[in-house]
Structure formats: C-alpha cells, structure tokens
C-alpha cells in the first residue's frame, strides 16, 4: 500500500532547502519568511484559538454619549495573526433609525512603508510592510475580525452605557457575551481555550447566629468574581458562610474574606485555624462595611481586625510601589481610593486589612448622602480586588 502526503489548504509549510549554488532572489526570501510566518500562525490557532488574549476592554465614555473606548491589549484573529493595540482608541457608535446590533471589532491591517524607486518597470515598491490593527464599529460580524463587544441599539439612541448587570446587558449597554477569551502567556491551553487558575473565596460567617453582617459585601464579591472570570486568567468561585474550623472547606479556599460593622473576636481554636490557613499560602482579607459611617470615623470592626492581626503575630505594613497588591496584574503607585478616603491598606504575611471599604464600591455604592463614586473609582476598586486574588493565586 502506498501513502500519499496531504497538502494543507490554508497553511503551506514550504521550507527553503539551502545548498551551495542556490539562487537567492525575492521568491527565495518570500518562501523562507512565509514558512516561519505560517508555522507561527498555525501555532496560534491550534494551541490558543481566536479571540482576546488580554486587555481590549470596551467601556463607555464618561459622561455617556455615543462613543466607547477600547483599552490597549492583544488578540489573535482567524488567520492566526497577533493583533496588538498599544494605545486606547475611541470608537463612535453610529446612531440607528431602526433597532440594530452594532459590533465593536478588531481587524488586521497593514501599511506599505520605506518605498524604493529603483524597481522593475520603474514602479515604486515598499521595502517593508508595517503590520497594524484597526478598531471599528460594524453592523455585521466580521469573519476575520475579533469581536470585542456588541451593542443592541434602540432607534435614535444618544447614549451608550456600561452594563448594570454584566451577565444580562440591556439595550444601549455594552455586551461582551460574544467576546471570546483565549490562552494567555503561561496559562497553557487545551482545545484552544485558556486553562485558568481556580481561586475560591470563602466568606467567613461570624457574629451571633442570627446576624447577617457577614453578608454585607456578598453581592460585591460576586461582581468582582464576574469581572475576574471575564477579564483574567483566573476562575473565581464563592463559598458563603464558611467557618474557620471547617478544614475540609477552608483547605479548598485561596481567600477567606470577612466584613461587618460590629466588633468581633475568634476563639483560640479559630485563630489557630486561620494561622494554619495563611501558613499554607491562603490570604485572609478583612475590611469593614462603611456605608453610613462618617468618613474619618474609626469603626469597631477595623479595630477588631488590627487586634486579630496582633494575636496572629502579624505586623501589618502599608504596601509601597512594586508590592504584589499594587502590581500583580494592574499597576498602582498607591492603593486606590475606597469608600472612606481616609482608610488605609495594610498587609502582613498573607493577611490584608483594608479599612476604607472596597466591597461597597464593587457593588457600585459609595457613602450615603454624598456624591456617587466615579466610574474611575469603581474600576480601580475592582482592579485592586483582582490584584488581591492574583496574590492569593500565587
């Protein structure tokens, strides 16, 4: 039986075979470089897939109008080409007289450069091709482009907004349901999808049996986990009502989070369990819920957090530039603003205390009877929370 070699229709792996006397002309150069380009493109598609590698977030303008901003990032298109956006781009979403879906897409583009006049037949030819990308709004999904977001536009709309519910965006809100995330560097890939690191957050139940103080930031944490799942290489989960003494549950957590307003104190056995959790690499994150507490006013919960750190032999320090809390994914020079601008962030050997309250910001809430927090403050709080999850993930 004889075998026949198969020719790949999309990627031809034609390699130059060098030998003395080989004619090296423009065809030889093109074949040599096309071989490596095709190998790389095939690698991107086979091991990573088509979609967003990192960044490329789409957010509404502030104040809201018909423009959206696409942040810098990296993607892979259907031809296996790497598309790099190095600067933010503003895209105008065209108004519609009828109901329509508008796609924000990223596409490959190239620009001839370094023109040479001495060429065959006197026709100038580019000595180089600059590979670029374009970001645009389209009324159709583009087969070779990367979908970054879609927006269901109502007739005569004048504003595009960020979604109130990321999982169920409404009309005139940015919808990322069609956005595909692919393998990021170091995450590995299986079947073209990114392999994610699982980070489970356990919310500690504390206080009297009928108390619900420990649930105050549950919704905010769920939103933080949602952002983490959509925009990072982490896969977040939440367990509510965790007891430090339930070792079977605690050992599966990367983060133990607790919040409240009242003072608290753990039993010696619970404190031993918390110390053991952190010694194994877990992160204990404590912060008050300050909504309704005047800014700058000390609160009993934060005081109990500091006392707990002392009993656990932790010496909290304020993180400086370069600390993992400020740089593990998103870069900060100092901790971002919280609900109480006078609050502090301290960390010591896997214990984090944030007395200013980021949890309420994750829910889109600020201080009562004061100006609502800006989009930038809300986004920074979410990015800081994601940094903490990255610290926990190692």
Protein backbone atom coordinates (compact mmCIF):
# COMPACT_ATOMS: atom_id res chain seq x y z
CA UNK A 1 0.00 0.00 0.00
CA UNK A 2 1.36 3.41 -0.89
CA UNK A 3 0.76 6.51 1.20
CA UNK A 4 0.09 9.98 -0.12
CA UNK A 5 1.17 13.17 1.62
CA UNK A 6 -1.58 15.67 2.32
CA UNK A 7 -1.27 19.32 1.43
CA UNK A 8 -2.59 21.78 4.00
CA UNK A 9 -5.01 24.10 2.22
CA UNK A 10 -4.67 27.13 4.50
CA UNK A 11 -1.05 26.86 5.65
CA UNK A 12 1.60 25.62 3.25
CA UNK A 13 4.77 24.62 5.09
CA UNK A 14 7.23 25.09 2.23
CA UNK A 15 10.72 25.28 3.70
CA UNK A 16 13.78 26.52 1.79
CA UNK A 17 16.40 23.79 1.35
CA UNK A 18 19.78 25.58 1.22
CA UNK A 19 22.69 24.28 -0.86
CA UNK A 20 25.74 25.78 -2.50
CA UNK A 21 24.74 27.47 -5.70
CA UNK A 22 21.10 28.06 -4.69
CA UNK A 23 19.65 31.11 -6.40
CA UNK A 24 18.59 33.55 -3.68
CA UNK A 25 16.11 36.00 -5.14
CA UNK A 26 12.90 37.65 -3.92
CA UNK A 27 10.99 34.35 -4.27
CA UNK A 28 13.51 32.53 -2.06
CA UNK A 29 13.27 35.28 0.58
CA UNK A 30 9.47 35.19 0.48
CA UNK A 31 9.35 31.38 0.83
CA UNK A 32 11.80 31.43 3.74
CA UNK A 33 9.85 34.03 5.70
CA UNK A 34 6.41 32.65 4.77
CA UNK A 35 7.43 29.28 6.23
CA UNK A 36 8.08 30.79 9.67
CA UNK A 37 5.01 33.05 9.50
CA UNK A 38 2.76 30.11 8.63
CA UNK A 39 4.24 27.98 11.41
CA UNK A 40 3.56 30.76 13.93
CA UNK A 41 0.02 31.39 12.69
CA UNK A 42 -0.77 27.68 12.79
CA UNK A 43 0.62 27.51 16.34
CA UNK A 44 -1.57 30.42 17.46
CA UNK A 45 -4.75 28.86 16.11
CA UNK A 46 -4.03 25.26 17.14
CA UNK A 47 -2.88 25.94 20.71
CA UNK A 48 -4.67 29.17 21.60
CA UNK A 49 -7.57 29.94 19.26
CA UNK A 50 -9.27 33.09 18.03
CA UNK A 51 -10.13 35.90 20.43
CA UNK A 52 -8.81 38.22 23.11
CA UNK A 53 -5.54 37.26 24.79
CA UNK A 54 -5.53 40.13 27.28
CA UNK A 55 -6.86 43.67 27.69
CA UNK A 56 -9.02 45.19 24.90
CA UNK A 57 -11.72 46.13 27.44
CA UNK A 58 -14.58 48.19 25.99
CA UNK A 59 -16.02 50.91 28.25
CA UNK A 60 -18.50 53.73 27.75
CA UNK A 61 -17.45 57.38 27.69
CA UNK A 62 -17.92 59.49 30.78
CA UNK A 63 -20.22 61.36 30.56
CA UNK A 64 -22.10 58.90 28.40
CA UNK A 65 -22.53 59.62 24.69
CA UNK A 66 -22.33 57.51 21.52
CA UNK A 67 -18.62 56.79 21.93
CA UNK A 68 -16.87 53.85 23.56
CA UNK A 69 -13.21 53.45 24.43
CA UNK A 70 -11.17 50.32 23.72
CA UNK A 71 -8.21 49.88 26.04
CA UNK A 72 -4.84 48.52 24.91
CA UNK A 73 -4.47 44.76 24.60
CA UNK A 74 -3.66 41.76 22.46
CA UNK A 75 -5.74 39.43 20.29
CA UNK A 76 -5.49 36.61 17.73
CA UNK A 77 -7.58 36.76 14.55
CA UNK A 78 -8.98 33.94 12.42
CA UNK A 79 -5.80 33.88 10.31
CA UNK A 80 -3.66 33.28 13.39
CA UNK A 81 -2.19 36.79 13.32
CA UNK A 82 -1.30 38.59 16.56
CA UNK A 83 -3.04 41.99 16.74
CA UNK A 84 -1.55 44.47 19.20
CA UNK A 85 -3.26 47.67 20.33
CA UNK A 86 -0.78 49.87 22.19
CA UNK A 87 -2.91 52.98 22.86
CA UNK A 88 -6.57 53.49 23.83
CA UNK A 89 -8.88 54.02 20.86
CA UNK A 90 -12.20 55.86 20.87
CA UNK A 91 -14.89 54.45 18.58
CA UNK A 92 -18.01 56.36 17.56
CA UNK A 93 -21.08 54.10 17.51
CA UNK A 94 -23.35 55.26 14.69
CA UNK A 95 -26.90 56.12 15.63
CA UNK A 96 -29.63 53.99 14.10
CA UNK A 97 -33.08 54.87 12.81
CA UNK A 98 -34.17 51.27 13.42
CA UNK A 99 -33.31 48.71 16.09
CA UNK A 100 -29.88 47.22 15.24
CA UNK A 101 -26.90 45.37 16.70
CA UNK A 102 -23.54 47.11 16.32
CA UNK A 103 -20.30 45.15 16.76
CA UNK A 104 -17.03 46.62 18.01
CA UNK A 105 -14.38 44.65 16.14
CA UNK A 106 -10.59 44.48 15.87
CA UNK A 107 -9.13 43.73 12.45
CA UNK A 108 -5.74 43.18 10.86
CA UNK A 109 -4.32 46.00 8.75
CA UNK A 110 -1.00 46.65 7.09
CA UNK A 111 0.77 49.69 5.71
CA UNK A 112 3.45 49.69 2.96
CA UNK A 113 6.46 51.76 4.01
CA UNK A 114 10.06 52.60 3.01
CA UNK A 115 9.23 52.93 -0.69
CA UNK A 116 12.01 52.12 -3.13
CA UNK A 117 12.06 53.85 -6.54
CA UNK A 118 14.62 51.58 -8.25
CA UNK A 119 12.41 48.63 -9.10
CA UNK A 120 11.36 46.57 -12.07
CA UNK A 121 9.47 48.62 -14.68
CA UNK A 122 10.09 51.73 -12.61
CA UNK A 123 7.17 51.03 -10.24
CA UNK A 124 7.98 52.03 -6.63
CA UNK A 125 7.77 49.12 -4.19
CA UNK A 126 7.69 49.12 -0.36
CA UNK A 127 10.81 47.69 1.28
CA UNK A 128 8.83 46.98 4.47
CA UNK A 129 5.24 46.20 5.46
CA UNK A 130 4.10 47.60 8.81
CA UNK A 131 1.54 45.26 10.40
CA UNK A 132 -1.14 47.14 12.36
CA UNK A 133 -4.72 46.75 13.54
CA UNK A 134 -7.87 48.81 13.29
CA UNK A 135 -10.78 49.13 15.73
CA UNK A 136 -14.15 49.99 14.24
CA UNK A 137 -17.90 49.70 14.62
CA UNK A 138 -19.66 47.34 12.21
CA UNK A 139 -23.27 46.40 11.57
CA UNK A 140 -22.10 42.87 10.73
CA UNK A 141 -19.89 40.34 12.50
CA UNK A 142 -16.62 40.18 10.54
CA UNK A 143 -15.34 36.63 9.80
CA UNK A 144 -11.64 37.51 10.08
CA UNK A 145 -12.00 40.09 12.85
CA UNK A 146 -12.13 39.77 16.63
CA UNK A 147 -15.38 40.74 18.34
CA UNK A 148 -14.65 42.90 21.38
CA UNK A 149 -18.25 43.82 22.23
CA UNK A 150 -21.70 44.24 20.75
CA UNK A 151 -24.42 46.77 21.49
CA UNK A 152 -28.14 46.44 20.82
CA UNK A 153 -29.03 49.97 19.74
CA UNK A 154 -32.52 51.36 20.13
CA UNK A 155 -33.78 53.78 17.43
CA UNK A 156 -32.49 57.35 17.82
CA UNK A 157 -30.37 56.47 20.86
CA UNK A 158 -27.90 59.11 22.07
CA UNK A 159 -26.05 57.26 24.83
CA UNK A 160 -24.07 54.05 25.17
CA UNK A 161 -23.72 52.87 28.79
CA UNK A 162 -21.73 50.31 30.73
CA UNK A 163 -23.97 47.37 31.71
CA UNK A 164 -25.81 47.48 35.01
CA UNK A 165 -25.67 43.67 35.07
CA UNK A 166 -22.65 42.27 33.23
CA UNK A 167 -24.42 38.94 32.68
CA UNK A 168 -27.64 40.49 31.33
CA UNK A 169 -26.84 43.74 29.50
CA UNK A 170 -29.79 45.74 28.27
CA UNK A 171 -30.36 47.82 25.15
CA UNK A 172 -27.77 50.58 24.59
CA UNK A 173 -25.43 48.79 27.04
CA UNK A 174 -22.06 47.23 26.21
CA UNK A 175 -22.49 43.47 25.80
CA UNK A 176 -19.42 41.18 25.96
CA UNK A 177 -21.32 37.90 25.60
CA UNK A 178 -19.83 37.32 22.14
CA UNK A 179 -16.30 38.12 23.24
CA UNK A 180 -14.03 35.06 23.37
CA UNK A 181 -11.03 34.82 25.69
CA UNK A 182 -8.12 32.65 24.60
CA UNK A 183 -4.91 31.32 26.17
CA UNK A 184 -2.72 33.86 27.94
CA UNK A 185 1.05 33.53 28.35
CA UNK A 186 1.86 30.95 30.98
CA UNK A 187 -1.74 29.78 31.38
CA UNK A 188 -1.48 26.87 28.95
CA UNK A 189 -4.28 25.88 26.62
CA UNK A 190 -6.44 22.86 25.99
CA UNK A 191 -8.54 22.61 22.85
CA UNK A 192 -7.89 26.26 22.03
CA UNK A 193 -9.24 27.54 25.37
CA UNK A 194 -7.26 29.12 28.16
CA UNK A 195 -6.51 26.96 31.16
CA UNK A 196 -7.49 29.06 34.16
CA UNK A 197 -6.24 29.06 37.73
CA UNK A 198 -9.08 28.42 40.18
CA UNK A 199 -9.39 30.86 43.08
CA UNK A 200 -12.11 30.06 45.62
CA UNK A 201 -13.15 32.84 48.01
CA UNK A 202 -14.79 31.79 51.27
CA UNK A 203 -16.89 34.41 53.08
CA UNK A 204 -16.45 33.91 56.81
CA UNK A 205 -19.62 33.77 58.89
CA UNK A 206 -19.15 35.45 62.26
CA UNK A 207 -21.21 37.09 64.99
CA UNK A 208 -24.44 35.88 66.66
CA UNK A 209 -26.34 33.00 64.99
CA UNK A 210 -28.99 35.32 63.52
CA UNK A 211 -26.54 38.01 62.36
CA UNK A 212 -26.29 38.83 58.65
CA UNK A 213 -23.48 41.40 58.95
CA UNK A 214 -21.05 38.98 57.37
CA UNK A 215 -23.13 39.04 54.15
CA UNK A 216 -22.83 42.79 53.59
CA UNK A 217 -20.41 42.56 50.65
CA UNK A 218 -21.58 39.26 49.16
CA UNK A 219 -23.06 40.88 46.06
CA UNK A 220 -19.94 42.99 45.58
CA UNK A 221 -17.75 39.90 45.76
CA UNK A 222 -19.91 38.15 43.18
CA UNK A 223 -19.44 41.09 40.82
CA UNK A 224 -15.70 41.09 41.48
CA UNK A 225 -15.55 37.38 40.66
CA UNK A 226 -17.57 38.01 37.49
CA UNK A 227 -15.03 40.62 36.32
CA UNK A 228 -12.20 38.27 37.24
CA UNK A 229 -13.68 35.42 35.21
CA UNK A 230 -14.27 37.61 32.16
CA UNK A 231 -11.04 39.59 32.02
CA UNK A 232 -8.29 37.48 33.59
CA UNK A 233 -6.74 34.02 33.60
CA UNK A 234 -8.36 33.29 36.99
CA UNK A 235 -11.53 31.28 37.52
CA UNK A 236 -13.23 32.56 40.67
CA UNK A 237 -15.73 30.82 42.93
CA UNK A 238 -17.51 31.93 46.12
CA UNK A 239 -18.48 29.91 49.18
CA UNK A 240 -20.72 31.72 51.70
CA UNK A 241 -20.96 31.14 55.43
CA UNK A 242 -17.57 29.46 55.90
CA UNK A 243 -16.37 28.57 59.40
CA UNK A 244 -12.60 28.74 60.04
CA UNK A 245 -12.94 25.39 61.85
CA UNK A 246 -14.35 23.60 58.79
CA UNK A 247 -10.98 22.45 57.49
CA UNK A 248 -12.50 20.38 54.65
CA UNK A 249 -13.93 23.61 53.18
CA UNK A 250 -11.16 26.01 54.19
CA UNK A 251 -8.39 23.95 52.59
CA UNK A 252 -10.08 24.44 49.19
CA UNK A 253 -10.12 28.24 49.58
CA UNK A 254 -7.42 30.60 48.39
CA UNK A 255 -9.04 33.59 50.13
CA UNK A 256 -11.04 33.90 53.34
CA UNK A 257 -12.91 37.22 53.31
CA UNK A 258 -14.81 38.85 56.14
CA UNK A 259 -16.69 42.10 56.61
CA UNK A 260 -19.07 43.74 59.07
CA UNK A 261 -19.51 46.73 61.38
CA UNK A 262 -19.57 45.32 64.88
CA UNK A 263 -16.54 44.24 66.91
CA UNK A 264 -15.70 40.53 66.76
CA UNK A 265 -13.36 38.01 68.31
CA UNK A 266 -12.50 34.48 67.29
CA UNK A 267 -11.95 31.60 69.67
CA UNK A 268 -8.36 30.36 70.21
CA UNK A 269 -9.17 27.31 68.07
CA UNK A 270 -10.46 29.52 65.24
CA UNK A 271 -7.36 31.70 65.40
CA UNK A 272 -5.13 28.62 65.19
CA UNK A 273 -7.10 27.51 62.12
CA UNK A 274 -6.71 30.96 60.50
CA UNK A 275 -2.96 30.95 61.16
CA UNK A 276 -2.71 27.46 59.65
CA UNK A 277 -4.69 28.64 56.59
CA UNK A 278 -2.28 31.52 55.96
CA UNK A 279 0.79 29.37 56.60
CA UNK A 280 -0.45 27.10 53.80
CA UNK A 281 -0.48 30.11 51.43
CA UNK A 282 -4.06 31.34 51.84
CA UNK A 283 -4.98 35.03 52.13
CA UNK A 284 -7.16 36.37 54.96
CA UNK A 285 -8.83 39.61 53.83
CA UNK A 286 -10.67 41.74 56.42
CA UNK A 287 -12.49 45.01 55.78
CA UNK A 288 -15.46 46.87 57.28
CA UNK A 289 -18.65 47.92 55.53
CA UNK A 290 -18.51 51.70 55.99
CA UNK A 291 -21.65 52.71 54.11
CA UNK A 292 -23.42 55.06 56.54
CA UNK A 293 -20.37 55.56 58.81
CA UNK A 294 -19.00 59.15 58.51
CA UNK A 295 -15.66 59.34 56.74
CA UNK A 296 -12.67 59.52 59.03
CA UNK A 297 -14.58 57.97 61.95
CA UNK A 298 -12.91 54.86 63.46
CA UNK A 299 -15.07 51.75 63.35
CA UNK A 300 -15.19 48.80 65.72
CA UNK A 301 -14.78 46.17 63.01
CA UNK A 302 -11.46 47.62 61.79
CA UNK A 303 -10.24 47.83 65.35
CA UNK A 304 -11.02 44.14 65.83
CA UNK A 305 -9.13 43.37 62.59
CA UNK A 306 -5.98 45.08 63.89
CA UNK A 307 -6.28 43.25 67.20
CA UNK A 308 -6.67 39.94 65.36
CA UNK A 309 -3.50 40.65 63.36
CA UNK A 310 -1.61 41.24 66.60
CA UNK A 311 -2.85 37.98 68.13
CA UNK A 312 -1.83 36.15 64.94
CA UNK A 313 1.68 37.66 65.23
CA UNK A 314 1.22 39.70 62.07
CA UNK A 315 2.94 43.09 61.80
CA UNK A 316 0.96 44.97 59.14
CA UNK A 317 2.77 47.34 56.76
CA UNK A 318 1.43 49.75 54.16
CA UNK A 319 2.27 48.43 50.66
CA UNK A 320 4.62 50.56 48.58
CA UNK A 321 5.08 50.75 44.80
CA UNK A 322 6.03 47.32 43.49
CA UNK A 323 4.20 45.39 46.23
CA UNK A 324 2.16 42.50 44.71
CA UNK A 325 -1.10 44.11 45.85
CA UNK A 326 -0.20 47.08 43.65
CA UNK A 327 1.32 45.26 40.70
CA UNK A 328 0.29 41.57 40.44
CA UNK A 329 -1.98 42.37 37.45
CA UNK A 330 -2.95 46.04 37.40
CA UNK A 331 -0.39 48.69 38.27
CA UNK A 332 -0.91 51.20 41.08
CA UNK A 333 1.56 53.61 42.66
CA UNK A 334 -0.52 53.67 45.87
CA UNK A 335 -3.70 51.87 46.94
CA UNK A 336 -6.75 53.33 45.14
CA UNK A 337 -9.48 55.32 46.86
CA UNK A 338 -12.05 53.38 48.87
CA UNK A 339 -15.46 54.42 50.26
CA UNK A 340 -13.63 56.24 53.07
CA UNK A 341 -10.69 58.14 51.52
CA UNK A 342 -9.07 58.19 54.96
CA UNK A 343 -8.97 54.39 55.10
CA UNK A 344 -5.69 52.52 54.96
CA UNK A 345 -4.48 49.33 53.31
CA UNK A 346 -2.08 47.12 55.25
CA UNK A 347 -0.69 43.67 54.56
CA UNK A 348 1.41 41.25 56.54
CA UNK A 349 2.35 37.74 55.55
CA UNK A 350 -0.91 36.82 53.74
CA UNK A 351 -3.24 38.97 55.87
CA UNK A 352 -4.84 42.02 54.23
CA UNK A 353 -6.76 44.72 56.09
CA UNK A 354 -8.50 47.46 54.06
CA UNK A 355 -10.19 49.85 56.48
CA UNK A 356 -11.60 52.14 53.73
CA UNK A 357 -14.05 49.53 52.31
CA UNK A 358 -13.72 48.39 48.68
CA UNK A 359 -16.62 45.93 48.92
CA UNK A 360 -19.29 48.62 48.65
CA UNK A 361 -17.54 50.02 45.56
CA UNK A 362 -17.70 46.57 43.93
CA UNK A 363 -21.48 46.94 44.28
CA UNK A 364 -21.43 50.42 42.74
CA UNK A 365 -22.23 52.08 46.08
CA UNK A 366 -20.37 54.85 47.85
CA UNK A 367 -21.04 56.74 51.03
CA UNK A 368 -24.66 57.61 51.80
CA UNK A 369 -25.72 61.22 51.22
CA UNK A 370 -22.52 62.05 49.33
CA UNK A 371 -21.64 62.29 45.65
CA UNK A 372 -21.75 58.93 43.88
CA UNK A 373 -18.31 57.42 43.17
CA UNK A 374 -16.95 57.98 39.66
CA UNK A 375 -16.51 55.23 37.11
CA UNK A 376 -12.74 55.51 37.56
CA UNK A 377 -13.02 54.94 41.32
CA UNK A 378 -15.27 51.90 40.80
CA UNK A 379 -12.96 50.44 38.15
CA UNK A 380 -9.85 50.98 40.30
CA UNK A 381 -11.52 49.24 43.24
CA UNK A 382 -12.31 46.24 41.05
CA UNK A 383 -8.76 46.13 39.66
CA UNK A 384 -7.32 46.31 43.18
CA UNK A 385 -9.58 43.41 44.22
CA UNK A 386 -8.37 41.39 41.23
CA UNK A 387 -4.77 42.12 42.27
CA UNK A 388 -5.52 40.62 45.68
CA UNK A 389 -6.93 37.49 44.04
CA UNK A 390 -3.77 37.20 41.95
CA UNK A 391 -1.71 37.44 45.16
CA UNK A 392 -3.77 34.59 46.59
CA UNK A 393 -3.35 32.55 43.41
CA UNK A 394 0.42 32.89 43.63
